Amino acid sequence: MARYAFLITLLFTLNTFAQDAPAGLSVFKAKCMMCHGADGQANTTMGRQVNAANLLSADVKKLSAAEMKDVVTNGKGSMPTFSDQLSPEEIDAVVGYVRAMEKNAK
């Protein structure tokens, strides 16, 4: 029974990320791209200046969705807080977009 509950939760989460990816792109472009770059690897002038995280790195990939939401919401290190700029739905969408970006990275 627990196995089925886990699978249902996993499928729901993956579906949510897949649906959020297109909406998350516009949020990513507006709020994240300056530091993290279009490819998420933080290879931008600003990204290098603030030591932005490479979103395709193993350290970022191992974060849970809840941990990623917390970083976007509350900031961490040189990452500023976005709780005053993004709605919870926009934060969910951008996390979904980053997860899709990680999945599609080669």
PDB file of N, CA and C in Angstrom:
ATOM      1  N   MET A   1       0.824  -1.197   0.000  1.00  0.00           N
ATOM      2  CA  MET A   1       0.000   0.000   0.000  1.00  0.00           C
ATOM      3  C   MET A   1       0.866   1.258   0.000  1.00  0.00           C
ATOM      4  N   ALA A   2       1.908   1.269   0.859  1.00  0.00           N
ATOM      5  CA  ALA A   2       2.797   2.427   0.921  1.00  0.00           C
ATOM      6  C   ALA A   2       3.506   2.632  -0.416  1.00  0.00           C
ATOM      7  N   ARG A   3       3.835   1.530  -1.082  1.00  0.00           N
ATOM      8  CA  ARG A   3       4.500   1.611  -2.374  1.00  0.00           C
ATOM      9  C   ARG A   3       3.600   2.310  -3.394  1.00  0.00           C
ATOM     10  N   TYR A   4       2.317   1.982  -3.391  1.00  0.00           N
ATOM     11  CA  TYR A   4       1.378   2.625  -4.319  1.00  0.00           C
ATOM     12  C   TYR A   4       1.219   4.104  -4.009  1.00  0.00           C
ATOM     13  N   ALA A   5       1.155   4.435  -2.736  1.00  0.00           N
ATOM     14  CA  ALA A   5       1.035   5.846  -2.344  1.00  0.00           C
ATOM     15  C   ALA A   5       2.254   6.623  -2.818  1.00  0.00           C
ATOM     16  N   PHE A   6       3.434   6.028  -2.666  1.00  0.00           N
ATOM     17  CA  PHE A   6       4.660   6.674  -3.128  1.00  0.00           C
ATOM     18  C   PHE A   6       4.626   6.883  -4.636  1.00  0.00           C
ATOM     19  N   LEU A   7       4.224   5.875  -5.390  1.00  0.00           N
ATOM     20  CA  LEU A   7       4.178   5.982  -6.846  1.00  0.00           C
ATOM     21  C   LEU A   7       3.171   7.031  -7.303  1.00  0.00           C
ATOM     22  N   ILE A   8       2.036   7.080  -6.654  1.00  0.00           N
ATOM     23  CA  ILE A   8       1.029   8.092  -7.007  1.00  0.00           C
ATOM     24  C   ILE A   8       1.572   9.483  -6.728  1.00  0.00           C
ATOM     25  N   THR A   9       2.220   9.657  -5.571  1.00  0.00           N
ATOM     26  CA  THR A   9       2.808  10.952  -5.229  1.00  0.00           C
ATOM     27  C   THR A   9       3.891  11.328  -6.226  1.00  0.00           C
ATOM     28  N   LEU A  10       4.737  10.383  -6.597  1.00  0.00           N
ATOM     29  CA  LEU A  10       5.804  10.638  -7.559  1.00  0.00           C
ATOM     30  C   LEU A  10       5.232  11.042  -8.917  1.00  0.00           C
ATOM     31  N   LEU A  11       4.244  10.330  -9.397  1.00  0.00           N
ATOM     32  CA  LEU A  11       3.639  10.660 -10.688  1.00  0.00           C
ATOM     33  C   LEU A  11       2.973  12.030 -10.655  1.00  0.00           C
ATOM     34  N   PHE A  12       2.287  12.354  -9.566  1.00  0.00           N
ATOM     35  CA  PHE A  12       1.659  13.666  -9.432  1.00  0.00           C
ATOM     36  C   PHE A  12       2.717  14.759  -9.447  1.00  0.00           C
ATOM     37  N   THR A  13       3.821  14.553  -8.727  1.00  0.00           N
ATOM     38  CA  THR A  13       4.892  15.545  -8.665  1.00  0.00           C
ATOM     39  C   THR A  13       5.522  15.749 -10.037  1.00  0.00           C
ATOM     40  N   LEU A  14       5.815  14.673 -10.739  1.00  0.00           N
ATOM     41  CA  LEU A  14       6.405  14.787 -12.074  1.00  0.00           C
ATOM     42  C   LEU A  14       5.456  15.482 -13.039  1.00  0.00           C
ATOM     43  N   ASN A  15       4.176  15.173 -12.941  1.00  0.00           N
ATOM     44  CA  ASN A  15       3.193  15.826 -13.802  1.00  0.00           C
ATOM     45  C   ASN A  15       3.110  17.313 -13.483  1.00  0.00           C
ATOM     46  N   THR A  16       3.162  17.671 -12.218  1.00  0.00           N
ATOM     47  CA  THR A  16       3.132  19.074 -11.826  1.00  0.00           C
ATOM     48  C   THR A  16       4.339  19.807 -12.395  1.00  0.00           C
ATOM     49  N   PHE A  17       5.543  19.199 -12.281  1.00  0.00           N
ATOM     50  CA  PHE A  17       6.739  19.825 -12.836  1.00  0.00           C
ATOM     51  C   PHE A  17       6.609  19.995 -14.343  1.00  0.00           C
ATOM     52  N   ALA A  18       6.083  18.999 -15.031  1.00  0.00           N
ATOM     53  CA  ALA A  18       5.947  19.076 -16.480  1.00  0.00           C
ATOM     54  C   ALA A  18       4.981  20.190 -16.874  1.00  0.00           C
ATOM     55  N   GLN A  19       3.904  20.354 -16.130  1.00  0.00           N
ATOM     56  CA  GLN A  19       2.941  21.408 -16.433  1.00  0.00           C
ATOM     57  C   GLN A  19       3.500  22.788 -16.118  1.00  0.00           C
ATOM     58  N   ASP A  20       4.335  22.879 -15.067  1.00  0.00           N
ATOM     59  CA  ASP A  20       4.878  24.163 -14.649  1.00  0.00           C
ATOM     60  C   ASP A  20       5.997  24.650 -15.553  1.00  0.00           C
ATOM     61  N   ALA A  21       6.624  23.766 -16.314  1.00  0.00           N
ATOM     62  CA  ALA A  21       7.798  24.143 -17.093  1.00  0.00           C
ATOM     63  C   ALA A  21       7.553  25.317 -18.048  1.00  0.00           C
ATOM     64  N   PRO A  22       6.498  25.321 -18.877  1.00  0.00           N
ATOM     65  CA  PRO A  22       6.303  26.468 -19.772  1.00  0.00           C
ATOM     66  C   PRO A  22       6.052  27.776 -19.016  1.00  0.00           C
ATOM     67  N   ALA A  23       5.235  27.731 -17.974  1.00  0.00           N
ATOM     68  CA  ALA A  23       4.979  28.930 -17.182  1.00  0.00           C
ATOM     69  C   ALA A  23       6.252  29.377 -16.468  1.00  0.00           C
ATOM     70  N   GLY A  24       7.047  28.421 -16.050  1.00  0.00           N
ATOM     71  CA  GLY A  24       8.285  28.731 -15.351  1.00  0.00           C
ATOM     72  C   GLY A  24       9.322  29.399 -16.236  1.00  0.00           C
ATOM     73  N   LEU A  25       9.257  29.166 -17.532  1.00  0.00           N
ATOM     74  CA  LEU A  25      10.210  29.772 -18.455  1.00  0.00           C
ATOM     75  C   LEU A  25      10.136  31.294 -18.387  1.00  0.00           C
ATOM     76  N   SER A  26       8.937  31.851 -18.388  1.00  0.00           N
ATOM     77  CA  SER A  26       8.824  33.314 -18.347  1.00  0.00           C
ATOM     78  C   SER A  26       9.341  33.868 -17.027  1.00  0.00           C
ATOM     79  N   VAL A  27       9.090  33.164 -15.928  1.00  0.00           N
ATOM     80  CA  VAL A  27       9.619  33.589 -14.623  1.00  0.00           C
ATOM     81  C   VAL A  27      11.141  33.485 -14.637  1.00  0.00           C
ATOM     82  N   PHE A  28      11.655  32.387 -15.171  1.00  0.00           N
ATOM     83  CA  PHE A  28      13.103  32.180 -15.239  1.00  0.00           C
ATOM     84  C   PHE A  28      13.767  33.293 -16.035  1.00  0.00           C
ATOM     85  N   LYS A  29      13.191  33.626 -17.194  1.00  0.00           N
ATOM     86  CA  LYS A  29      13.756  34.689 -18.030  1.00  0.00           C
ATOM     87  C   LYS A  29      13.766  36.027 -17.296  1.00  0.00           C
ATOM     88  N   ALA A  30      12.696  36.310 -16.564  1.00  0.00           N
ATOM     89  CA  ALA A  30      12.563  37.606 -15.901  1.00  0.00           C
ATOM     90  C   ALA A  30      13.392  37.718 -14.626  1.00  0.00           C
ATOM     91  N   LYS A  31      13.541  36.629 -13.884  1.00  0.00           N
ATOM     92  CA  LYS A  31      14.131  36.729 -12.549  1.00  0.00           C
ATOM     93  C   LYS A  31      15.435  35.960 -12.351  1.00  0.00           C
ATOM     94  N   CYS A  32      15.712  34.987 -13.182  1.00  0.00           N
ATOM     95  CA  CYS A  32      16.836  34.078 -12.912  1.00  0.00           C
ATOM     96  C   CYS A  32      17.958  34.141 -13.949  1.00  0.00           C
ATOM     97  N   MET A  33      17.591  34.434 -15.191  1.00  0.00           N
ATOM     98  CA  MET A  33      18.531  34.307 -16.300  1.00  0.00           C
ATOM     99  C   MET A  33      19.743  35.233 -16.168  1.00  0.00           C
ATOM    100  N   MET A  34      19.568  36.397 -15.563  1.00  0.00           N
ATOM    101  CA  MET A  34      20.682  37.336 -15.456  1.00  0.00           C
ATOM    102  C   MET A  34      21.883  36.693 -14.740  1.00  0.00           C
ATOM    103  N   CYS A  35      21.609  35.920 -13.715  1.00  0.00           N
ATOM    104  CA  CYS A  35      22.698  35.279 -12.967  1.00  0.00           C
ATOM    105  C   CYS A  35      22.960  33.846 -13.435  1.00  0.00           C
ATOM    106  N   HIS A  36      21.891  33.074 -13.627  1.00  0.00           N
ATOM    107  CA  HIS A  36      22.051  31.654 -13.924  1.00  0.00           C
ATOM    108  C   HIS A  36      22.229  31.364 -15.408  1.00  0.00           C
ATOM    109  N   GLY A  37      21.953  32.342 -16.273  1.00  0.00           N
ATOM    110  CA  GLY A  37      22.116  32.146 -17.707  1.00  0.00           C
ATOM    111  C   GLY A  37      20.980  31.335 -18.299  1.00  0.00           C
ATOM    112  N   ALA A  38      20.853  31.388 -19.612  1.00  0.00           N
ATOM    113  CA  ALA A  38      19.783  30.686 -20.314  1.00  0.00           C
ATOM    114  C   ALA A  38      19.867  29.180 -20.117  1.00  0.00           C
ATOM    115  N   ASP A  39      21.095  28.673 -19.971  1.00  0.00           N
ATOM    116  CA  ASP A  39      21.279  27.228 -19.813  1.00  0.00           C
ATOM    117  C   ASP A  39      21.361  26.794 -18.352  1.00  0.00           C
ATOM    118  N   GLY A  40      21.266  27.733 -17.419  1.00  0.00           N
ATOM    119  CA  GLY A  40      21.280  27.403 -15.995  1.00  0.00           C
ATOM    120  C   GLY A  40      22.652  27.187 -15.385  1.00  0.00           C
ATOM    121  N   GLN A  41      23.700  27.333 -16.171  1.00  0.00           N
ATOM    122  CA  GLN A  41      25.043  27.003 -15.686  1.00  0.00           C
ATOM    123  C   GLN A  41      25.773  28.176 -15.033  1.00  0.00           C
ATOM    124  N   ALA A  42      25.103  29.324 -14.921  1.00  0.00           N
ATOM    125  CA  ALA A  42      25.642  30.504 -14.230  1.00  0.00           C
ATOM    126  C   ALA A  42      26.905  31.050 -14.882  1.00  0.00           C
ATOM    127  N   ASN A  43      27.057  30.819 -16.164  1.00  0.00           N
ATOM    128  CA  ASN A  43      28.228  31.310 -16.884  1.00  0.00           C
ATOM    129  C   ASN A  43      27.906  32.672 -17.506  1.00  0.00           C
ATOM    130  N   THR A  44      27.537  33.613 -16.644  1.00  0.00           N
ATOM    131  CA  THR A  44      27.239  34.978 -17.060  1.00  0.00           C
ATOM    132  C   THR A  44      28.129  35.917 -16.248  1.00  0.00           C
ATOM    133  N   THR A  45      28.244  37.136 -16.689  1.00  0.00           N
ATOM    134  CA  THR A  45      29.050  38.110 -15.945  1.00  0.00           C
ATOM    135  C   THR A  45      28.537  38.240 -14.517  1.00  0.00           C
ATOM    136  N   MET A  46      27.228  38.442 -14.369  1.00  0.00           N
ATOM    137  CA  MET A  46      26.647  38.580 -13.042  1.00  0.00           C
ATOM    138  C   MET A  46      26.763  37.280 -12.254  1.00  0.00           C
ATOM    139  N   GLY A  47      26.523  36.169 -12.911  1.00  0.00           N
ATOM    140  CA  GLY A  47      26.624  34.866 -12.235  1.00  0.00           C
ATOM    141  C   GLY A  47      28.002  34.624 -11.653  1.00  0.00           C
ATOM    142  N   ARG A  48      29.035  35.002 -12.415  1.00  0.00           N
ATOM    143  CA  ARG A  48      30.408  34.838 -11.918  1.00  0.00           C
ATOM    144  C   ARG A  48      30.683  35.815 -10.769  1.00  0.00           C
ATOM    145  N   GLN A  49      30.154  37.036 -10.866  1.00  0.00           N
ATOM    146  CA  GLN A  49      30.385  38.035  -9.813  1.00  0.00           C
ATOM    147  C   GLN A  49      29.780  37.614  -8.479  1.00  0.00           C
ATOM    148  N   VAL A  50      28.598  37.012  -8.527  1.00  0.00           N
ATOM    149  CA  VAL A  50      27.922  36.647  -7.274  1.00  0.00           C
ATOM    150  C   VAL A  50      28.085  35.167  -6.929  1.00  0.00           C
ATOM    151  N   ASN A  51      28.864  34.457  -7.738  1.00  0.00           N
ATOM    152  CA  ASN A  51      29.085  33.030  -7.533  1.00  0.00           C
ATOM    153  C   ASN A  51      27.756  32.265  -7.504  1.00  0.00           C
ATOM    154  N   ALA A  52      26.914  32.534  -8.512  1.00  0.00           N
ATOM    155  CA  ALA A  52      25.609  31.886  -8.607  1.00  0.00           C
ATOM    156  C   ALA A  52      25.778  30.382  -8.814  1.00  0.00           C
ATOM    157  N   ALA A  53      24.824  29.636  -8.328  1.00  0.00           N
ATOM    158  CA  ALA A  53      24.865  28.174  -8.451  1.00  0.00           C
ATOM    159  C   ALA A  53      24.621  27.748  -9.892  1.00  0.00           C
ATOM    160  N   ASN A  54      25.343  26.732 -10.317  1.00  0.00           N
ATOM    161  CA  ASN A  54      25.085  26.063 -11.584  1.00  0.00           C
ATOM    162  C   ASN A  54      23.883  25.153 -11.344  1.00  0.00           C
ATOM    163  N   LEU A  55      22.768  25.462 -11.963  1.00  0.00           N
ATOM    164  CA  LEU A  55      21.535  24.722 -11.719  1.00  0.00           C
ATOM    165  C   LEU A  55      21.573  23.294 -12.257  1.00  0.00           C
ATOM    166  N   LEU A  56      22.585  22.976 -13.051  1.00  0.00           N
ATOM    167  CA  LEU A  56      22.728  21.623 -13.576  1.00  0.00           C
ATOM    168  C   LEU A  56      23.747  20.799 -12.781  1.00  0.00           C
ATOM    169  N   SER A  57      24.276  21.401 -11.710  1.00  0.00           N
ATOM    170  CA  SER A  57      25.287  20.703 -10.897  1.00  0.00           C
ATOM    171  C   SER A  57      24.649  19.604 -10.051  1.00  0.00           C
ATOM    172  N   ALA A  58      25.467  18.667  -9.643  1.00  0.00           N
ATOM    173  CA  ALA A  58      24.991  17.573  -8.787  1.00  0.00           C
ATOM    174  C   ALA A  58      24.431  18.109  -7.473  1.00  0.00           C
ATOM    175  N   ASP A  59      25.046  19.165  -6.932  1.00  0.00           N
ATOM    176  CA  ASP A  59      24.568  19.729  -5.668  1.00  0.00           C
ATOM    177  C   ASP A  59      23.145  20.265  -5.789  1.00  0.00           C
ATOM    178  N   VAL A  60      22.837  20.907  -6.891  1.00  0.00           N
ATOM    179  CA  VAL A  60      21.486  21.446  -7.080  1.00  0.00           C
ATOM    180  C   VAL A  60      20.523  20.319  -7.425  1.00  0.00           C
ATOM    181  N   LYS A  61      20.952  19.391  -8.258  1.00  0.00           N
ATOM    182  CA  LYS A  61      20.075  18.285  -8.654  1.00  0.00           C
ATOM    183  C   LYS A  61      19.636  17.439  -7.468  1.00  0.00           C
ATOM    184  N   LYS A  62      20.467  17.361  -6.440  1.00  0.00           N
ATOM    185  CA  LYS A  62      20.099  16.522  -5.295  1.00  0.00           C
ATOM    186  C   LYS A  62      19.109  17.205  -4.348  1.00  0.00           C
ATOM    187  N   LEU A  63      18.849  18.499  -4.542  1.00  0.00           N
ATOM    188  CA  LEU A  63      17.879  19.196  -3.707  1.00  0.00           C
ATOM    189  C   LEU A  63      16.468  18.703  -4.017  1.00  0.00           C
ATOM    190  N   SER A  64      15.668  18.567  -2.989  1.00  0.00           N
ATOM    191  CA  SER A  64      14.259  18.237  -3.207  1.00  0.00           C
ATOM    192  C   SER A  64      13.546  19.476  -3.727  1.00  0.00           C
ATOM    193  N   ALA A  65      12.347  19.282  -4.245  1.00  0.00           N
ATOM    194  CA  ALA A  65      11.552  20.423  -4.710  1.00  0.00           C
ATOM    195  C   ALA A  65      11.295  21.387  -3.557  1.00  0.00           C
ATOM    196  N   ALA A  66      11.026  20.870  -2.374  1.00  0.00           N
ATOM    197  CA  ALA A  66      10.778  21.725  -1.208  1.00  0.00           C
ATOM    198  C   ALA A  66      12.020  22.544  -0.856  1.00  0.00           C
ATOM    199  N   GLU A  67      13.188  21.931  -0.967  1.00  0.00           N
ATOM    200  CA  GLU A  67      14.432  22.664  -0.689  1.00  0.00           C
ATOM    201  C   GLU A  67      14.672  23.750  -1.729  1.00  0.00           C
ATOM    202  N   MET A  68      14.398  23.433  -2.986  1.00  0.00           N
ATOM    203  CA  MET A  68      14.557  24.446  -4.037  1.00  0.00           C
ATOM    204  C   MET A  68      13.592  25.606  -3.829  1.00  0.00           C
ATOM    205  N   LYS A  69      12.352  25.286  -3.478  1.00  0.00           N
ATOM    206  CA  LYS A  69      11.363  26.335  -3.217  1.00  0.00           C
ATOM    207  C   LYS A  69      11.818  27.220  -2.067  1.00  0.00           C
ATOM    208  N   ASP A  70      12.406  26.615  -1.052  1.00  0.00           N
ATOM    209  CA  ASP A  70      12.883  27.382   0.099  1.00  0.00           C
ATOM    210  C   ASP A  70      14.001  28.336  -0.318  1.00  0.00           C
ATOM    211  N   VAL A  71      14.921  27.886  -1.144  1.00  0.00           N
ATOM    212  CA  VAL A  71      16.013  28.747  -1.608  1.00  0.00           C
ATOM    213  C   VAL A  71      15.462  29.914  -2.421  1.00  0.00           C
ATOM    214  N   VAL A  72      14.528  29.651  -3.327  1.00  0.00           N
ATOM    215  CA  VAL A  72      13.957  30.724  -4.135  1.00  0.00           C
ATOM    216  C   VAL A  72      13.153  31.683  -3.253  1.00  0.00           C
ATOM    217  N   THR A  73      12.411  31.134  -2.334  1.00  0.00           N
ATOM    218  CA  THR A  73      11.557  31.957  -1.469  1.00  0.00           C
ATOM    219  C   THR A  73      12.377  32.801  -0.497  1.00  0.00           C
ATOM    220  N   ASN A  74      13.332  32.179   0.184  1.00  0.00           N
ATOM    221  CA  ASN A  74      14.042  32.831   1.288  1.00  0.00           C
ATOM    222  C   ASN A  74      15.471  33.238   0.979  1.00  0.00           C
ATOM    223  N   GLY A  75      15.988  32.814  -0.173  1.00  0.00           N
ATOM    224  CA  GLY A  75      17.374  33.109  -0.511  1.00  0.00           C
ATOM    225  C   GLY A  75      18.334  32.198   0.227  1.00  0.00           C
ATOM    226  N   LYS A  76      19.568  32.211  -0.238  1.00  0.00           N
ATOM    227  CA  LYS A  76      20.625  31.417   0.401  1.00  0.00           C
ATOM    228  C   LYS A  76      21.959  31.880  -0.171  1.00  0.00           C
ATOM    229  N   GLY A  77      22.910  32.184   0.693  1.00  0.00           N
ATOM    230  CA  GLY A  77      24.194  32.689   0.222  1.00  0.00           C
ATOM    231  C   GLY A  77      23.992  33.984  -0.539  1.00  0.00           C
ATOM    232  N   SER A  78      24.495  34.043  -1.758  1.00  0.00           N
ATOM    233  CA  SER A  78      24.345  35.257  -2.567  1.00  0.00           C
ATOM    234  C   SER A  78      22.998  35.316  -3.291  1.00  0.00           C
ATOM    235  N   MET A  79      22.218  34.246  -3.199  1.00  0.00           N
ATOM    236  CA  MET A  79      20.885  34.217  -3.836  1.00  0.00           C
ATOM    237  C   MET A  79      19.918  35.050  -2.998  1.00  0.00           C
ATOM    238  N   PRO A  80      19.318  36.069  -3.610  1.00  0.00           N
ATOM    239  CA  PRO A  80      18.376  36.907  -2.851  1.00  0.00           C
ATOM    240  C   PRO A  80      17.033  36.204  -2.649  1.00  0.00           C
ATOM    241  N   THR A  81      16.264  36.723  -1.731  1.00  0.00           N
ATOM    242  CA  THR A  81      14.904  36.218  -1.516  1.00  0.00           C
ATOM    243  C   THR A  81      13.976  36.727  -2.624  1.00  0.00           C
ATOM    244  N   PHE A  82      13.066  35.881  -3.043  1.00  0.00           N
ATOM    245  CA  PHE A  82      12.096  36.275  -4.058  1.00  0.00           C
ATOM    246  C   PHE A  82      10.666  36.219  -3.526  1.00  0.00           C
ATOM    247  N   SER A  83      10.511  36.054  -2.218  1.00  0.00           N
ATOM    248  CA  SER A  83       9.163  35.962  -1.639  1.00  0.00           C
ATOM    249  C   SER A  83       8.356  37.236  -1.846  1.00  0.00           C
ATOM    250  N   ASP A  84       9.047  38.355  -1.991  1.00  0.00           N
ATOM    251  CA  ASP A  84       8.351  39.630  -2.201  1.00  0.00           C
ATOM    252  C   ASP A  84       8.152  39.957  -3.689  1.00  0.00           C
ATOM    253  N   GLN A  85       8.687  39.110  -4.570  1.00  0.00           N
ATOM    254  CA  GLN A  85       8.591  39.378  -6.006  1.00  0.00           C
ATOM    255  C   GLN A  85       7.802  38.324  -6.773  1.00  0.00           C
ATOM    256  N   LEU A  86       7.731  37.119  -6.213  1.00  0.00           N
ATOM    257  CA  LEU A  86       7.066  36.013  -6.902  1.00  0.00           C
ATOM    258  C   LEU A  86       5.990  35.402  -6.014  1.00  0.00           C
ATOM    259  N   SER A  87       4.898  34.999  -6.626  1.00  0.00           N
ATOM    260  CA  SER A  87       3.837  34.303  -5.900  1.00  0.00           C
ATOM    261  C   SER A  87       4.279  32.860  -5.652  1.00  0.00           C
ATOM    262  N   PRO A  88       3.640  32.167  -4.713  1.00  0.00           N
ATOM    263  CA  PRO A  88       3.960  30.746  -4.524  1.00  0.00           C
ATOM    264  C   PRO A  88       3.788  29.937  -5.808  1.00  0.00           C
ATOM    265  N   GLU A  89       2.803  30.295  -6.618  1.00  0.00           N
ATOM    266  CA  GLU A  89       2.578  29.587  -7.886  1.00  0.00           C
ATOM    267  C   GLU A  89       3.721  29.840  -8.872  1.00  0.00           C
ATOM    268  N   GLU A  90       4.229  31.053  -8.904  1.00  0.00           N
ATOM    269  CA  GLU A  90       5.357  31.361  -9.782  1.00  0.00           C
ATOM    270  C   GLU A  90       6.618  30.639  -9.319  1.00  0.00           C
ATOM    271  N   ILE A  91       6.795  30.543  -8.005  1.00  0.00           N
ATOM    272  CA  ILE A  91       7.953  29.816  -7.470  1.00  0.00           C
ATOM    273  C   ILE A  91       7.838  28.341  -7.839  1.00  0.00           C
ATOM    274  N   ASP A  92       6.654  27.755  -7.686  1.00  0.00           N
ATOM    275  CA  ASP A  92       6.450  26.364  -8.109  1.00  0.00           C
ATOM    276  C   ASP A  92       6.771  26.201  -9.593  1.00  0.00           C
ATOM    277  N   ALA A  93       6.324  27.159 -10.391  1.00  0.00           N
ATOM    278  CA  ALA A  93       6.542  27.081 -11.841  1.00  0.00           C
ATOM    279  C   ALA A  93       8.022  27.147 -12.183  1.00  0.00           C
ATOM    280  N   VAL A  94       8.762  28.039 -11.554  1.00  0.00           N
ATOM    281  CA  VAL A  94      10.185  28.156 -11.888  1.00  0.00           C
ATOM    282  C   VAL A  94      10.966  26.937 -11.385  1.00  0.00           C
ATOM    283  N   VAL A  95      10.575  26.380 -10.266  1.00  0.00           N
ATOM    284  CA  VAL A  95      11.210  25.135  -9.805  1.00  0.00           C
ATOM    285  C   VAL A  95      10.916  24.024 -10.809  1.00  0.00           C
ATOM    286  N   GLY A  96       9.696  23.954 -11.297  1.00  0.00           N
ATOM    287  CA  GLY A  96       9.352  22.969 -12.325  1.00  0.00           C
ATOM    288  C   GLY A  96      10.165  23.161 -13.590  1.00  0.00           C
ATOM    289  N   TYR A  97      10.374  24.413 -13.965  1.00  0.00           N
ATOM    290  CA  TYR A  97      11.171  24.702 -15.151  1.00  0.00           C
ATOM    291  C   TYR A  97      12.623  24.258 -14.961  1.00  0.00           C
ATOM    292  N   VAL A  98      13.186  24.546 -13.796  1.00  0.00           N
ATOM    293  CA  VAL A  98      14.574  24.145 -13.522  1.00  0.00           C
ATOM    294  C   VAL A  98      14.684  22.626 -13.534  1.00  0.00           C
ATOM    295  N   ARG A  99      13.715  21.931 -12.958  1.00  0.00           N
ATOM    296  CA  ARG A  99      13.743  20.465 -12.981  1.00  0.00           C
ATOM    297  C   ARG A  99      13.676  19.940 -14.417  1.00  0.00           C
ATOM    298  N   ALA A 100      12.857  20.561 -15.249  1.00  0.00           N
ATOM    299  CA  ALA A 100      12.784  20.153 -16.654  1.00  0.00           C
ATOM    300  C   ALA A 100      14.105  20.434 -17.353  1.00  0.00           C
ATOM    301  N   MET A 101      14.716  21.555 -17.051  1.00  0.00           N
ATOM    302  CA  MET A 101      16.007  21.913 -17.625  1.00  0.00           C
ATOM    303  C   MET A 101      17.062  20.872 -17.240  1.00  0.00           C
ATOM    304  N   GLU A 102      17.051  20.469 -15.969  1.00  0.00           N
ATOM    305  CA  GLU A 102      18.007  19.442 -15.507  1.00  0.00           C
ATOM    306  C   GLU A 102      17.776  18.131 -16.248  1.00  0.00           C
ATOM    307  N   LYS A 103      16.533  17.777 -16.402  1.00  0.00           N
ATOM    308  CA  LYS A 103      16.196  16.507 -17.063  1.00  0.00           C
ATOM    309  C   LYS A 103      16.621  16.495 -18.524  1.00  0.00           C
ATOM    310  N   ASN A 104      16.520  17.654 -19.174  1.00  0.00           N
ATOM    311  CA  ASN A 104      16.837  17.741 -20.601  1.00  0.00           C
ATOM    312  C   ASN A 104      18.318  18.026 -20.879  1.00  0.00           C
ATOM    313  N   ALA A 105      19.089  18.315 -19.832  1.00  0.00           N
ATOM    314  CA  ALA A 105      20.522  18.607 -20.014  1.00  0.00           C
ATOM    315  C   ALA A 105      21.258  17.348 -20.439  1.00  0.00           C
ATOM    316  N   LYS A 106      22.228  17.542 -21.266  1.00  0.00           N
ATOM    317  CA  LYS A 106      23.017  16.392 -21.754  1.00  0.00           C
ATOM    318  C   LYS A 106      24.275  16.232 -20.950  1.00  0.00           C
TER     319      LYS A 106
END
